[in-house]
Each structure stands twice: as structure tokens, then as C-alpha cells.
Amino acid sequence: HVQLVESGGGSVQPGGSLRVSCVGSGFTFSTYCMGWFRQLPDKEREGVAGMESDGSTSYADSVKGRFTISKDNSKNTLYLQMDSLKSEDAAMYFCAADDPNYLTSTDVATMGMCEYNSWGQGTQVTVS
């Protein structure tokens, strides 16, 4: 059973940087698509950055050149380095995994070639 736990959110001034992390357990971390999504209250969830099992990455246009997704398979940890933060980046950030064994998920989001169906609880990022 996939479990994802985010950390590292917080408050930062515009132009600042923040790194959020996600520790995964219950699955072979290195073989899964992993990604970051964000959501504001009463807004649709937005895919921010994704990484496929081969290491290829994809980014939302709004964060290209400012955000970097990476992972450390030895630590089962996914990262999102956020630089040059803007007020519009403020949101709840969620870590997600594309679990091919979870066929009954009702919460699925597509980003790149992956269909994310397992979610962490989120970490809040505030930019002000």
C-alpha cells in the first residue's frame, strides 16, 4: 500500500526559495512515476512537476525555469525545489504516485505519461 508523507512547506517572501519533500513507503519507489500537484481552496488541482521512472521530467509552464523536481531513490524521497517564488505559487502542495496496482482509485490525475492515483496529505506553501 502506497503511503506518501510531505514535509517542508512554510512561509516565504516573494522571490524566495523553499524545498518540499515527500517520503514514500510501501512500494518500489524507483519504479513509479512521482509528481507534485498543488491546489487552492475552491480551485482545480494543478499538476506542477512530474518525474517518470526513467528520470524524465515535465513541468507546468507556470513553473518552468523556477522549480526543479528530483528524487533520491536510496531515501525513497521526492523533492520539489522552488525558487523565485511568486504569490501565485501559494497553495497546498501534494505529492503523488502512479500506482499500477491501485485500480480502484477514484482520485486520478494525469500529468505527462503518468496517471497519479495515490496522494499524500499535503504541505502548505505561503508566499507573502
N, C-alpha and C. Protein backbone atom coordinates (compact mmCIF):
# COMPACT_ATOMS: atom_id res chain seq x y z
N HIS A 1 0.86 -1.19 0.00
CA HIS A 1 0.00 0.00 0.00
C HIS A 1 0.89 1.23 0.00
N VAL A 2 0.67 2.10 -1.00
CA VAL A 2 1.47 3.31 -1.13
C VAL A 2 1.13 4.30 -0.03
N GLN A 3 2.15 4.78 0.64
CA GLN A 3 1.99 5.88 1.59
C GLN A 3 2.96 6.98 1.25
N LEU A 4 2.47 8.21 1.28
CA LEU A 4 3.27 9.37 0.93
C LEU A 4 3.12 10.42 2.02
N VAL A 5 4.24 10.95 2.48
CA VAL A 5 4.20 11.95 3.54
C VAL A 5 5.05 13.14 3.13
N GLU A 6 4.39 14.28 2.97
CA GLU A 6 5.09 15.50 2.58
C GLU A 6 5.57 16.27 3.80
N SER A 7 6.58 17.09 3.58
CA SER A 7 7.07 17.99 4.60
C SER A 7 7.80 19.14 3.93
N GLY A 8 8.11 20.16 4.70
CA GLY A 8 8.94 21.25 4.20
C GLY A 8 8.20 22.49 3.77
N GLY A 9 6.89 22.46 3.83
CA GLY A 9 6.15 23.66 3.50
C GLY A 9 6.39 24.75 4.52
N GLY A 10 5.94 25.93 4.18
CA GLY A 10 6.11 27.05 5.11
C GLY A 10 5.82 28.36 4.43
N SER A 11 6.26 29.40 5.05
CA SER A 11 6.02 30.75 4.55
C SER A 11 7.32 31.36 4.05
N VAL A 12 7.27 32.00 2.90
CA VAL A 12 8.45 32.60 2.31
C VAL A 12 8.04 33.88 1.60
N GLN A 13 8.96 34.82 1.51
CA GLN A 13 8.69 36.06 0.80
C GLN A 13 8.79 35.86 -0.71
N PRO A 14 8.11 36.68 -1.47
CA PRO A 14 8.25 36.62 -2.93
C PRO A 14 9.71 36.74 -3.34
N GLY A 15 10.09 35.90 -4.29
CA GLY A 15 11.48 35.85 -4.71
C GLY A 15 12.31 34.86 -3.95
N GLY A 16 11.77 34.34 -2.88
CA GLY A 16 12.50 33.39 -2.05
C GLY A 16 12.42 31.97 -2.57
N SER A 17 13.02 31.07 -1.80
CA SER A 17 13.09 29.65 -2.17
C SER A 17 12.57 28.77 -1.05
N LEU A 18 12.12 27.60 -1.45
CA LEU A 18 11.64 26.62 -0.50
C LEU A 18 11.78 25.24 -1.15
N ARG A 19 12.08 24.25 -0.33
CA ARG A 19 12.12 22.88 -0.84
C ARG A 19 11.15 22.02 -0.04
N VAL A 20 10.25 21.38 -0.74
CA VAL A 20 9.34 20.43 -0.10
C VAL A 20 9.79 19.01 -0.43
N SER A 21 9.50 18.12 0.50
CA SER A 21 9.94 16.73 0.37
C SER A 21 8.76 15.79 0.54
N CYS A 22 8.93 14.59 0.02
CA CYS A 22 7.89 13.56 0.13
C CYS A 22 8.57 12.22 0.31
N VAL A 23 8.31 11.59 1.43
CA VAL A 23 8.85 10.26 1.68
C VAL A 23 7.80 9.22 1.36
N GLY A 24 8.18 8.27 0.52
CA GLY A 24 7.27 7.21 0.13
C GLY A 24 7.58 5.90 0.81
N SER A 25 6.56 5.10 1.05
CA SER A 25 6.76 3.77 1.62
C SER A 25 5.69 2.83 1.08
N GLY A 26 5.99 1.54 1.16
CA GLY A 26 5.02 0.53 0.73
C GLY A 26 5.09 0.20 -0.74
N PHE A 27 6.10 0.70 -1.42
CA PHE A 27 6.23 0.41 -2.84
C PHE A 27 7.68 0.62 -3.27
N THR A 28 7.98 0.13 -4.46
CA THR A 28 9.33 0.28 -5.00
C THR A 28 9.45 1.66 -5.62
N PHE A 29 9.98 2.55 -4.83
CA PHE A 29 9.97 3.97 -5.15
C PHE A 29 10.57 4.26 -6.53
N SER A 30 11.64 3.58 -6.86
CA SER A 30 12.38 3.91 -8.08
C SER A 30 11.62 3.56 -9.36
N THR A 31 10.61 2.74 -9.27
CA THR A 31 9.93 2.28 -10.49
C THR A 31 8.62 2.99 -10.77
N TYR A 32 8.24 3.92 -9.90
CA TYR A 32 6.95 4.59 -10.04
C TYR A 32 7.12 6.00 -10.58
N CYS A 33 6.15 6.45 -11.39
CA CYS A 33 6.02 7.87 -11.66
C CYS A 33 5.73 8.59 -10.35
N MET A 34 6.39 9.70 -10.13
CA MET A 34 6.15 10.51 -8.95
C MET A 34 5.95 11.96 -9.37
N GLY A 35 5.09 12.67 -8.68
CA GLY A 35 4.85 14.04 -9.09
C GLY A 35 4.38 14.93 -7.96
N TRP A 36 4.32 16.20 -8.29
CA TRP A 36 3.81 17.22 -7.37
C TRP A 36 2.63 17.95 -8.01
N PHE A 37 1.59 18.13 -7.21
CA PHE A 37 0.42 18.88 -7.61
C PHE A 37 0.20 19.96 -6.57
N ARG A 38 -0.60 20.96 -6.93
CA ARG A 38 -0.96 21.98 -5.96
C ARG A 38 -2.41 22.37 -6.15
N GLN A 39 -2.97 22.90 -5.08
CA GLN A 39 -4.39 23.25 -5.13
C GLN A 39 -4.67 24.36 -4.14
N LEU A 40 -5.47 25.30 -4.58
CA LEU A 40 -6.01 26.34 -3.71
C LEU A 40 -7.45 25.98 -3.37
N PRO A 41 -7.95 26.44 -2.24
CA PRO A 41 -9.35 26.19 -1.90
C PRO A 41 -10.28 26.62 -3.03
N ASP A 42 -11.21 25.79 -3.38
CA ASP A 42 -12.22 26.08 -4.40
C ASP A 42 -11.62 26.22 -5.79
N LYS A 43 -10.39 25.73 -5.97
CA LYS A 43 -9.76 25.76 -7.28
C LYS A 43 -9.45 24.34 -7.73
N GLU A 44 -9.28 24.16 -9.02
CA GLU A 44 -8.91 22.84 -9.52
C GLU A 44 -7.46 22.53 -9.17
N ARG A 45 -7.21 21.27 -8.97
CA ARG A 45 -5.84 20.83 -8.71
C ARG A 45 -5.01 21.00 -9.98
N GLU A 46 -3.78 21.41 -9.80
CA GLU A 46 -2.88 21.68 -10.93
C GLU A 46 -1.63 20.82 -10.83
N GLY A 47 -1.28 20.17 -11.91
CA GLY A 47 -0.02 19.44 -11.94
C GLY A 47 1.13 20.42 -12.03
N VAL A 48 2.13 20.26 -11.19
CA VAL A 48 3.25 21.18 -11.13
C VAL A 48 4.48 20.58 -11.80
N ALA A 49 4.84 19.38 -11.37
CA ALA A 49 6.05 18.74 -11.92
C ALA A 49 5.92 17.24 -11.74
N GLY A 50 6.42 16.51 -12.72
CA GLY A 50 6.36 15.06 -12.64
C GLY A 50 7.67 14.44 -13.07
N MET A 51 7.93 13.25 -12.54
CA MET A 51 9.12 12.51 -12.92
C MET A 51 8.75 11.07 -13.18
N GLU A 52 9.08 10.59 -14.38
CA GLU A 52 8.78 9.20 -14.71
C GLU A 52 9.90 8.31 -14.18
N SER A 53 9.66 7.01 -14.25
CA SER A 53 10.61 6.08 -13.66
C SER A 53 11.98 6.14 -14.34
N ASP A 54 12.02 6.60 -15.58
CA ASP A 54 13.30 6.70 -16.28
C ASP A 54 14.02 8.01 -15.99
N GLY A 55 13.42 8.83 -15.14
CA GLY A 55 14.03 10.09 -14.75
C GLY A 55 13.61 11.29 -15.58
N SER A 56 12.85 11.07 -16.64
CA SER A 56 12.40 12.19 -17.44
C SER A 56 11.41 13.03 -16.64
N THR A 57 11.47 14.31 -16.87
CA THR A 57 10.67 15.24 -16.07
C THR A 57 9.76 16.09 -16.95
N SER A 58 8.73 16.61 -16.34
CA SER A 58 7.83 17.53 -17.01
C SER A 58 7.39 18.58 -16.00
N TYR A 59 7.13 19.77 -16.50
CA TYR A 59 6.76 20.89 -15.64
C TYR A 59 5.59 21.66 -16.23
N ALA A 60 4.79 22.22 -15.35
CA ALA A 60 3.79 23.17 -15.79
C ALA A 60 4.51 24.41 -16.33
N ASP A 61 3.93 25.03 -17.34
CA ASP A 61 4.56 26.21 -17.95
C ASP A 61 4.80 27.30 -16.90
N SER A 62 3.91 27.39 -15.94
CA SER A 62 3.98 28.45 -14.95
C SER A 62 5.18 28.33 -14.02
N VAL A 63 5.79 27.15 -13.96
CA VAL A 63 6.92 26.95 -13.04
C VAL A 63 8.22 26.61 -13.73
N LYS A 64 8.18 26.45 -15.04
CA LYS A 64 9.41 26.10 -15.77
C LYS A 64 10.50 27.13 -15.53
N GLY A 65 11.69 26.64 -15.26
CA GLY A 65 12.82 27.52 -15.00
C GLY A 65 12.92 27.98 -13.56
N ARG A 66 11.89 27.72 -12.77
CA ARG A 66 11.91 28.14 -11.36
C ARG A 66 11.85 26.95 -10.41
N PHE A 67 11.16 25.91 -10.80
CA PHE A 67 11.00 24.72 -9.94
C PHE A 67 11.80 23.56 -10.52
N THR A 68 12.30 22.72 -9.63
CA THR A 68 13.04 21.53 -10.04
C THR A 68 12.58 20.33 -9.23
N ILE A 69 12.17 19.29 -9.94
CA ILE A 69 11.78 18.05 -9.27
C ILE A 69 12.98 17.10 -9.30
N SER A 70 13.16 16.39 -8.21
CA SER A 70 14.25 15.42 -8.14
C SER A 70 13.86 14.34 -7.13
N LYS A 71 14.60 13.26 -7.14
CA LYS A 71 14.33 12.23 -6.15
C LYS A 71 15.60 11.50 -5.78
N ASP A 72 15.58 10.97 -4.59
CA ASP A 72 16.67 10.16 -4.07
C ASP A 72 16.10 8.78 -3.79
N ASN A 73 16.35 7.85 -4.70
CA ASN A 73 15.76 6.52 -4.54
C ASN A 73 16.28 5.80 -3.30
N SER A 74 17.51 6.11 -2.90
CA SER A 74 18.06 5.45 -1.72
C SER A 74 17.34 5.86 -0.44
N LYS A 75 16.69 7.03 -0.50
CA LYS A 75 15.95 7.54 0.66
C LYS A 75 14.45 7.51 0.44
N ASN A 76 14.02 6.96 -0.70
CA ASN A 76 12.59 6.94 -1.04
C ASN A 76 11.97 8.33 -0.90
N THR A 77 12.68 9.32 -1.36
CA THR A 77 12.26 10.70 -1.16
C THR A 77 12.21 11.47 -2.48
N LEU A 78 11.13 12.17 -2.66
CA LEU A 78 10.91 13.06 -3.80
C LEU A 78 11.01 14.48 -3.30
N TYR A 79 11.62 15.34 -4.11
CA TYR A 79 11.79 16.74 -3.74
C TYR A 79 11.19 17.66 -4.79
N LEU A 80 10.84 18.84 -4.35
CA LEU A 80 10.49 19.92 -5.26
C LEU A 80 11.19 21.17 -4.75
N GLN A 81 12.21 21.58 -5.49
CA GLN A 81 12.92 22.81 -5.16
C GLN A 81 12.21 23.96 -5.87
N MET A 82 11.79 24.93 -5.09
CA MET A 82 11.03 26.05 -5.64
C MET A 82 11.82 27.33 -5.43
N ASP A 83 12.22 27.95 -6.51
CA ASP A 83 12.98 29.19 -6.48
C ASP A 83 12.17 30.32 -7.11
N SER A 84 12.58 31.53 -6.83
CA SER A 84 11.90 32.71 -7.38
C SER A 84 10.40 32.62 -7.18
N LEU A 85 10.02 32.31 -5.97
CA LEU A 85 8.61 32.09 -5.68
C LEU A 85 7.80 33.36 -5.87
N LYS A 86 6.59 33.16 -6.36
CA LYS A 86 5.65 34.24 -6.59
C LYS A 86 4.42 34.03 -5.72
N SER A 87 3.66 35.09 -5.55
CA SER A 87 2.46 34.97 -4.72
C SER A 87 1.50 33.93 -5.28
N GLU A 88 1.49 33.80 -6.60
CA GLU A 88 0.57 32.83 -7.21
C GLU A 88 1.01 31.38 -7.03
N ASP A 89 2.20 31.17 -6.47
CA ASP A 89 2.65 29.80 -6.17
C ASP A 89 2.10 29.30 -4.84
N ALA A 90 1.53 30.19 -4.07
CA ALA A 90 1.00 29.78 -2.77
C ALA A 90 -0.15 28.80 -2.95
N ALA A 91 -0.07 27.69 -2.27
CA ALA A 91 -1.08 26.64 -2.40
C ALA A 91 -0.74 25.50 -1.45
N MET A 92 -1.63 24.53 -1.39
CA MET A 92 -1.30 23.27 -0.75
C MET A 92 -0.64 22.40 -1.80
N TYR A 93 0.52 21.86 -1.47
CA TYR A 93 1.27 21.04 -2.40
C TYR A 93 1.14 19.57 -2.01
N PHE A 94 0.80 18.75 -3.00
CA PHE A 94 0.59 17.33 -2.77
C PHE A 94 1.59 16.51 -3.56
N CYS A 95 2.12 15.52 -2.93
CA CYS A 95 2.94 14.51 -3.58
C CYS A 95 2.01 13.41 -4.09
N ALA A 96 2.36 12.84 -5.23
CA ALA A 96 1.50 11.80 -5.80
C ALA A 96 2.34 10.73 -6.47
N ALA A 97 1.77 9.55 -6.54
CA ALA A 97 2.41 8.41 -7.20
C ALA A 97 1.43 7.74 -8.15
N ASP A 98 1.98 7.20 -9.20
CA ASP A 98 1.20 6.42 -10.16
C ASP A 98 1.37 4.96 -9.78
N ASP A 99 0.41 4.44 -9.03
CA ASP A 99 0.47 3.07 -8.54
C ASP A 99 -0.28 2.16 -9.49
N PRO A 100 0.43 1.34 -10.24
CA PRO A 100 -0.26 0.47 -11.20
C PRO A 100 -1.11 -0.62 -10.55
N ASN A 101 -0.92 -0.82 -9.25
CA ASN A 101 -1.68 -1.85 -8.54
C ASN A 101 -2.98 -1.32 -7.93
N TYR A 102 -3.14 -0.03 -7.95
CA TYR A 102 -4.30 0.60 -7.31
C TYR A 102 -5.32 0.90 -8.41
N LEU A 103 -6.12 -0.07 -8.74
CA LEU A 103 -7.02 0.01 -9.88
C LEU A 103 -8.37 0.63 -9.54
N THR A 104 -8.64 0.80 -8.24
CA THR A 104 -9.96 1.27 -7.84
C THR A 104 -9.94 2.71 -7.34
N SER A 105 -8.85 3.40 -7.54
CA SER A 105 -8.79 4.79 -7.07
C SER A 105 -9.81 5.64 -7.81
N THR A 106 -10.47 6.50 -7.06
CA THR A 106 -11.43 7.43 -7.67
C THR A 106 -10.85 8.84 -7.77
N ASP A 107 -9.63 8.97 -7.37
CA ASP A 107 -8.96 10.27 -7.39
C ASP A 107 -7.72 10.13 -8.27
N VAL A 108 -7.89 10.42 -9.54
CA VAL A 108 -6.83 10.20 -10.51
C VAL A 108 -6.58 11.48 -11.28
N ALA A 109 -5.31 11.81 -11.46
CA ALA A 109 -4.94 12.98 -12.24
C ALA A 109 -3.82 12.61 -13.20
N THR A 110 -3.90 13.12 -14.40
CA THR A 110 -2.92 12.81 -15.43
C THR A 110 -1.93 13.95 -15.56
N MET A 111 -0.66 13.59 -15.65
CA MET A 111 0.37 14.58 -15.93
C MET A 111 1.45 13.87 -16.73
N GLY A 112 1.74 14.38 -17.90
CA GLY A 112 2.68 13.70 -18.78
C GLY A 112 2.13 12.34 -19.16
N MET A 113 2.95 11.32 -19.02
CA MET A 113 2.55 9.96 -19.39
C MET A 113 2.01 9.18 -18.19
N CYS A 114 1.85 9.84 -17.06
CA CYS A 114 1.51 9.14 -15.83
C CYS A 114 0.10 9.49 -15.36
N GLU A 115 -0.50 8.53 -14.70
CA GLU A 115 -1.81 8.72 -14.09
C GLU A 115 -1.64 8.55 -12.58
N TYR A 116 -1.70 9.63 -11.88
CA TYR A 116 -1.44 9.64 -10.44
C TYR A 116 -2.70 9.29 -9.68
N ASN A 117 -2.59 8.29 -8.81
CA ASN A 117 -3.77 7.82 -8.11
C ASN A 117 -3.58 7.65 -6.61
N SER A 118 -2.39 7.95 -6.13
CA SER A 118 -2.13 7.85 -4.70
C SER A 118 -1.56 9.18 -4.24
N TRP A 119 -2.03 9.66 -3.09
CA TRP A 119 -1.76 11.04 -2.70
C TRP A 119 -1.31 11.13 -1.25
N GLY A 120 -0.44 12.12 -1.02
CA GLY A 120 -0.10 12.46 0.35
C GLY A 120 -1.13 13.42 0.92
N GLN A 121 -0.89 13.84 2.15
CA GLN A 121 -1.84 14.70 2.84
C GLN A 121 -1.65 16.17 2.52
N GLY A 122 -0.51 16.52 1.93
CA GLY A 122 -0.26 17.89 1.51
C GLY A 122 0.58 18.66 2.49
N THR A 123 1.26 19.67 1.96
CA THR A 123 2.03 20.60 2.79
C THR A 123 1.78 22.00 2.25
N GLN A 124 1.54 22.93 3.16
CA GLN A 124 1.12 24.27 2.77
C GLN A 124 2.32 25.15 2.45
N VAL A 125 2.24 25.85 1.33
CA VAL A 125 3.25 26.84 0.96
C VAL A 125 2.57 28.20 0.88
N THR A 126 3.11 29.15 1.62
CA THR A 126 2.59 30.50 1.64
C THR A 126 3.67 31.45 1.12
N VAL A 127 3.29 32.34 0.22
CA VAL A 127 4.24 33.31 -0.33
C VAL A 127 3.67 34.71 -0.09
N SER A 128 4.28 35.42 0.83
CA SER A 128 3.80 36.77 1.12
C SER A 128 4.84 37.58 1.85
